[in-house]
């Protein structure tokens, strides 16, 4: 329920960026016999990698909610991969 990584700028110059994504909530519910919905709320924390050890550099914090609706299929056919 946690994903952490370091990102480098595309140019390869500049400071590394630390990104942490923490799952806060997760929920699934049936909509119909052939459909269900899933929602997830995550907290994204972005900061310079050099500030991970308790420096006072401000962190950018964002909460993100995604909702996906899925159809229950019957397996593999010409239109579905799986």
N, C-alpha and C. Protein backbone atom coordinates (compact mmCIF):
# COMPACT_ATOMS: atom_id res chain seq x y z
N UNK A 1 0.80 -1.20 0.00
CA UNK A 1 0.00 0.00 0.00
C UNK A 1 0.85 1.26 0.00
N UNK A 2 2.12 1.09 -0.30
CA UNK A 2 3.02 2.24 -0.41
C UNK A 2 3.97 2.00 -1.59
N UNK A 3 4.17 3.05 -2.37
CA UNK A 3 5.12 3.00 -3.48
C UNK A 3 6.03 4.21 -3.34
N UNK A 4 7.33 3.99 -3.40
CA UNK A 4 8.31 5.07 -3.30
C UNK A 4 9.31 4.93 -4.44
N UNK A 5 9.72 6.09 -4.99
CA UNK A 5 10.72 6.06 -6.05
C UNK A 5 11.46 7.39 -6.10
N UNK A 6 12.59 7.38 -6.78
CA UNK A 6 13.36 8.59 -7.06
C UNK A 6 13.29 8.85 -8.55
N UNK A 7 13.03 10.10 -8.92
CA UNK A 7 12.93 10.48 -10.32
C UNK A 7 14.04 11.46 -10.66
N UNK A 8 14.60 11.32 -11.85
CA UNK A 8 15.62 12.25 -12.33
C UNK A 8 15.00 13.11 -13.42
N UNK A 9 15.40 14.37 -13.51
CA UNK A 9 14.91 15.21 -14.61
C UNK A 9 15.30 14.60 -15.96
N UNK A 10 14.48 14.79 -16.99
CA UNK A 10 14.78 14.19 -18.30
C UNK A 10 16.15 14.56 -18.85
N UNK A 11 16.62 15.75 -18.53
CA UNK A 11 17.91 16.19 -19.06
C UNK A 11 19.09 15.53 -18.34
N UNK A 12 18.82 14.90 -17.20
CA UNK A 12 19.90 14.28 -16.43
C UNK A 12 20.65 15.26 -15.55
N UNK A 13 20.24 16.51 -15.58
CA UNK A 13 20.87 17.51 -14.73
C UNK A 13 19.85 17.96 -13.68
N UNK A 14 20.33 18.41 -12.56
CA UNK A 14 19.43 18.86 -11.50
C UNK A 14 19.28 17.82 -10.41
N UNK A 15 18.52 18.17 -9.40
CA UNK A 15 18.35 17.30 -8.23
C UNK A 15 17.35 16.19 -8.50
N UNK A 16 17.56 15.07 -7.83
CA UNK A 16 16.59 13.97 -7.87
C UNK A 16 15.34 14.38 -7.10
N UNK A 17 14.21 13.81 -7.48
CA UNK A 17 12.94 14.09 -6.82
C UNK A 17 12.45 12.80 -6.18
N UNK A 18 12.03 12.89 -4.93
CA UNK A 18 11.50 11.76 -4.20
C UNK A 18 9.97 11.79 -4.30
N UNK A 19 9.37 10.63 -4.63
CA UNK A 19 7.92 10.52 -4.72
C UNK A 19 7.47 9.34 -3.87
N UNK A 20 6.52 9.59 -2.97
CA UNK A 20 5.89 8.54 -2.17
C UNK A 20 4.40 8.56 -2.47
N UNK A 21 3.82 7.39 -2.73
CA UNK A 21 2.39 7.27 -2.94
C UNK A 21 1.86 6.27 -1.92
N UNK A 22 0.97 6.76 -1.06
CA UNK A 22 0.42 5.95 0.03
C UNK A 22 -1.07 5.74 -0.19
N UNK A 23 -1.53 4.50 -0.12
CA UNK A 23 -2.96 4.23 -0.25
C UNK A 23 -3.65 4.59 1.06
N UNK A 24 -4.68 5.42 0.95
CA UNK A 24 -5.42 5.86 2.13
C UNK A 24 -6.72 5.07 2.27
N UNK A 25 -7.41 4.84 1.14
CA UNK A 25 -8.69 4.13 1.18
C UNK A 25 -8.89 3.38 -0.13
N UNK A 26 -9.60 2.26 -0.01
CA UNK A 26 -9.89 1.44 -1.18
C UNK A 26 -11.29 0.85 -0.98
N UNK A 27 -12.08 0.84 -2.04
CA UNK A 27 -13.45 0.33 -1.92
C UNK A 27 -13.90 -0.27 -3.25
N UNK A 28 -14.69 -1.33 -3.19
CA UNK A 28 -15.26 -1.93 -4.39
C UNK A 28 -16.73 -2.24 -4.11
N UNK A 29 -17.57 -2.04 -5.11
CA UNK A 29 -18.98 -2.38 -4.94
C UNK A 29 -19.57 -2.85 -6.26
N UNK A 30 -20.55 -3.72 -6.16
CA UNK A 30 -21.23 -4.27 -7.32
C UNK A 30 -22.27 -3.27 -7.81
N UNK A 31 -22.27 -3.01 -9.11
CA UNK A 31 -23.24 -2.11 -9.72
C UNK A 31 -24.40 -2.93 -10.32
N UNK A 32 -24.05 -4.02 -10.95
CA UNK A 32 -25.03 -4.93 -11.56
C UNK A 32 -24.39 -6.31 -11.59
N UNK A 33 -25.12 -7.32 -12.05
CA UNK A 33 -24.51 -8.66 -12.10
C UNK A 33 -23.27 -8.73 -13.00
N UNK A 34 -23.12 -7.77 -13.94
CA UNK A 34 -21.98 -7.82 -14.86
C UNK A 34 -21.03 -6.64 -14.72
N UNK A 35 -21.25 -5.75 -13.74
CA UNK A 35 -20.38 -4.59 -13.56
C UNK A 35 -20.06 -4.36 -12.09
N UNK A 36 -18.83 -3.89 -11.85
CA UNK A 36 -18.47 -3.46 -10.51
C UNK A 36 -17.57 -2.24 -10.59
N UNK A 37 -17.59 -1.45 -9.52
CA UNK A 37 -16.79 -0.22 -9.46
C UNK A 37 -15.76 -0.33 -8.35
N UNK A 38 -14.59 0.23 -8.60
CA UNK A 38 -13.53 0.28 -7.60
C UNK A 38 -13.08 1.73 -7.45
N UNK A 39 -12.88 2.15 -6.21
CA UNK A 39 -12.33 3.49 -5.99
C UNK A 39 -11.13 3.36 -5.07
N UNK A 40 -10.18 4.27 -5.24
CA UNK A 40 -8.97 4.27 -4.43
C UNK A 40 -8.56 5.72 -4.21
N UNK A 41 -8.19 6.02 -2.98
CA UNK A 41 -7.67 7.34 -2.64
C UNK A 41 -6.22 7.15 -2.21
N UNK A 42 -5.33 7.92 -2.84
CA UNK A 42 -3.91 7.85 -2.50
C UNK A 42 -3.41 9.25 -2.14
N UNK A 43 -2.39 9.29 -1.32
CA UNK A 43 -1.70 10.54 -1.00
C UNK A 43 -0.35 10.52 -1.69
N UNK A 44 -0.10 11.53 -2.52
CA UNK A 44 1.17 11.66 -3.24
C UNK A 44 1.99 12.74 -2.55
N UNK A 45 3.22 12.39 -2.18
CA UNK A 45 4.13 13.33 -1.51
C UNK A 45 5.38 13.46 -2.37
N UNK A 46 5.65 14.69 -2.82
CA UNK A 46 6.79 14.96 -3.70
C UNK A 46 7.71 15.95 -3.00
N UNK A 47 9.01 15.65 -3.01
CA UNK A 47 10.00 16.55 -2.39
C UNK A 47 11.36 16.30 -3.03
N UNK A 48 12.27 17.28 -2.89
CA UNK A 48 13.64 17.02 -3.35
C UNK A 48 14.22 15.83 -2.59
N UNK A 49 14.92 14.95 -3.27
CA UNK A 49 15.46 13.74 -2.62
C UNK A 49 16.43 14.10 -1.51
N UNK A 50 17.10 15.21 -1.61
CA UNK A 50 18.06 15.60 -0.59
C UNK A 50 17.39 15.98 0.72
N UNK A 51 16.07 16.19 0.73
CA UNK A 51 15.38 16.61 1.95
C UNK A 51 14.75 15.44 2.70
N UNK A 52 14.95 14.20 2.25
CA UNK A 52 14.31 13.04 2.90
C UNK A 52 14.75 12.86 4.35
N UNK A 53 15.93 13.28 4.71
CA UNK A 53 16.45 13.02 6.05
C UNK A 53 16.05 14.10 7.05
N UNK A 54 14.86 14.68 6.90
CA UNK A 54 14.35 15.60 7.89
C UNK A 54 14.66 17.07 7.66
N UNK A 55 15.13 17.44 6.48
CA UNK A 55 15.38 18.85 6.20
C UNK A 55 14.05 19.60 6.14
N UNK A 56 14.11 20.92 6.21
CA UNK A 56 12.89 21.71 6.28
C UNK A 56 12.36 22.13 4.91
N UNK A 57 12.79 21.49 3.83
CA UNK A 57 12.30 21.79 2.49
C UNK A 57 10.82 21.41 2.42
N UNK A 58 9.96 22.32 1.93
CA UNK A 58 8.53 21.98 1.87
C UNK A 58 8.25 20.83 0.91
N UNK A 59 7.26 20.03 1.29
CA UNK A 59 6.83 18.91 0.45
C UNK A 59 5.53 19.29 -0.24
N UNK A 60 5.35 18.79 -1.43
CA UNK A 60 4.09 18.97 -2.15
C UNK A 60 3.23 17.74 -1.88
N UNK A 61 2.05 17.94 -1.33
CA UNK A 61 1.17 16.84 -0.97
C UNK A 61 -0.14 16.98 -1.73
N UNK A 62 -0.58 15.88 -2.35
CA UNK A 62 -1.82 15.89 -3.12
C UNK A 62 -2.56 14.59 -2.83
N UNK A 63 -3.87 14.67 -2.63
CA UNK A 63 -4.68 13.46 -2.52
C UNK A 63 -5.43 13.27 -3.82
N UNK A 64 -5.39 12.04 -4.32
CA UNK A 64 -5.95 11.71 -5.63
C UNK A 64 -6.94 10.57 -5.47
N UNK A 65 -8.13 10.74 -6.03
CA UNK A 65 -9.12 9.67 -6.02
C UNK A 65 -9.37 9.21 -7.44
N UNK A 66 -9.32 7.91 -7.65
CA UNK A 66 -9.64 7.33 -8.94
C UNK A 66 -10.82 6.39 -8.78
N UNK A 67 -11.70 6.39 -9.76
CA UNK A 67 -12.85 5.49 -9.78
C UNK A 67 -12.85 4.79 -11.13
N UNK A 68 -12.90 3.47 -11.10
CA UNK A 68 -12.91 2.67 -12.33
C UNK A 68 -14.12 1.75 -12.31
N UNK A 69 -14.76 1.61 -13.46
CA UNK A 69 -15.89 0.70 -13.59
C UNK A 69 -15.47 -0.43 -14.53
N UNK A 70 -15.70 -1.65 -14.08
CA UNK A 70 -15.28 -2.83 -14.84
C UNK A 70 -16.49 -3.65 -15.26
N UNK A 71 -16.41 -4.22 -16.48
CA UNK A 71 -17.39 -5.18 -16.96
C UNK A 71 -16.82 -6.57 -16.73
N UNK A 72 -17.66 -7.46 -16.22
CA UNK A 72 -17.24 -8.84 -16.03
C UNK A 72 -17.41 -9.55 -17.37
N UNK A 73 -16.30 -10.07 -17.91
CA UNK A 73 -16.34 -10.70 -19.23
C UNK A 73 -16.45 -12.21 -19.13
N UNK A 74 -16.50 -12.83 -20.28
CA UNK A 74 -16.60 -14.29 -20.37
C UNK A 74 -15.30 -14.92 -20.85
N UNK A 75 -14.18 -14.25 -20.64
CA UNK A 75 -12.92 -14.81 -21.08
C UNK A 75 -12.38 -14.07 -22.30
N UNK A 76 -11.59 -14.77 -23.10
CA UNK A 76 -10.92 -14.16 -24.25
C UNK A 76 -11.80 -14.29 -25.49
N UNK A 77 -11.96 -13.18 -26.22
CA UNK A 77 -12.62 -13.22 -27.51
C UNK A 77 -11.91 -12.25 -28.45
N UNK A 78 -12.48 -11.94 -29.60
CA UNK A 78 -11.83 -11.09 -30.58
C UNK A 78 -11.66 -9.64 -30.11
N UNK A 79 -12.49 -9.19 -29.19
CA UNK A 79 -12.46 -7.79 -28.75
C UNK A 79 -11.77 -7.58 -27.40
N UNK A 80 -11.52 -8.64 -26.67
CA UNK A 80 -10.91 -8.53 -25.34
C UNK A 80 -9.64 -9.34 -25.27
N UNK A 81 -8.68 -8.81 -24.57
CA UNK A 81 -7.42 -9.54 -24.40
C UNK A 81 -7.60 -10.64 -23.37
N UNK A 82 -8.26 -10.31 -22.26
CA UNK A 82 -8.51 -11.32 -21.24
C UNK A 82 -9.75 -10.97 -20.48
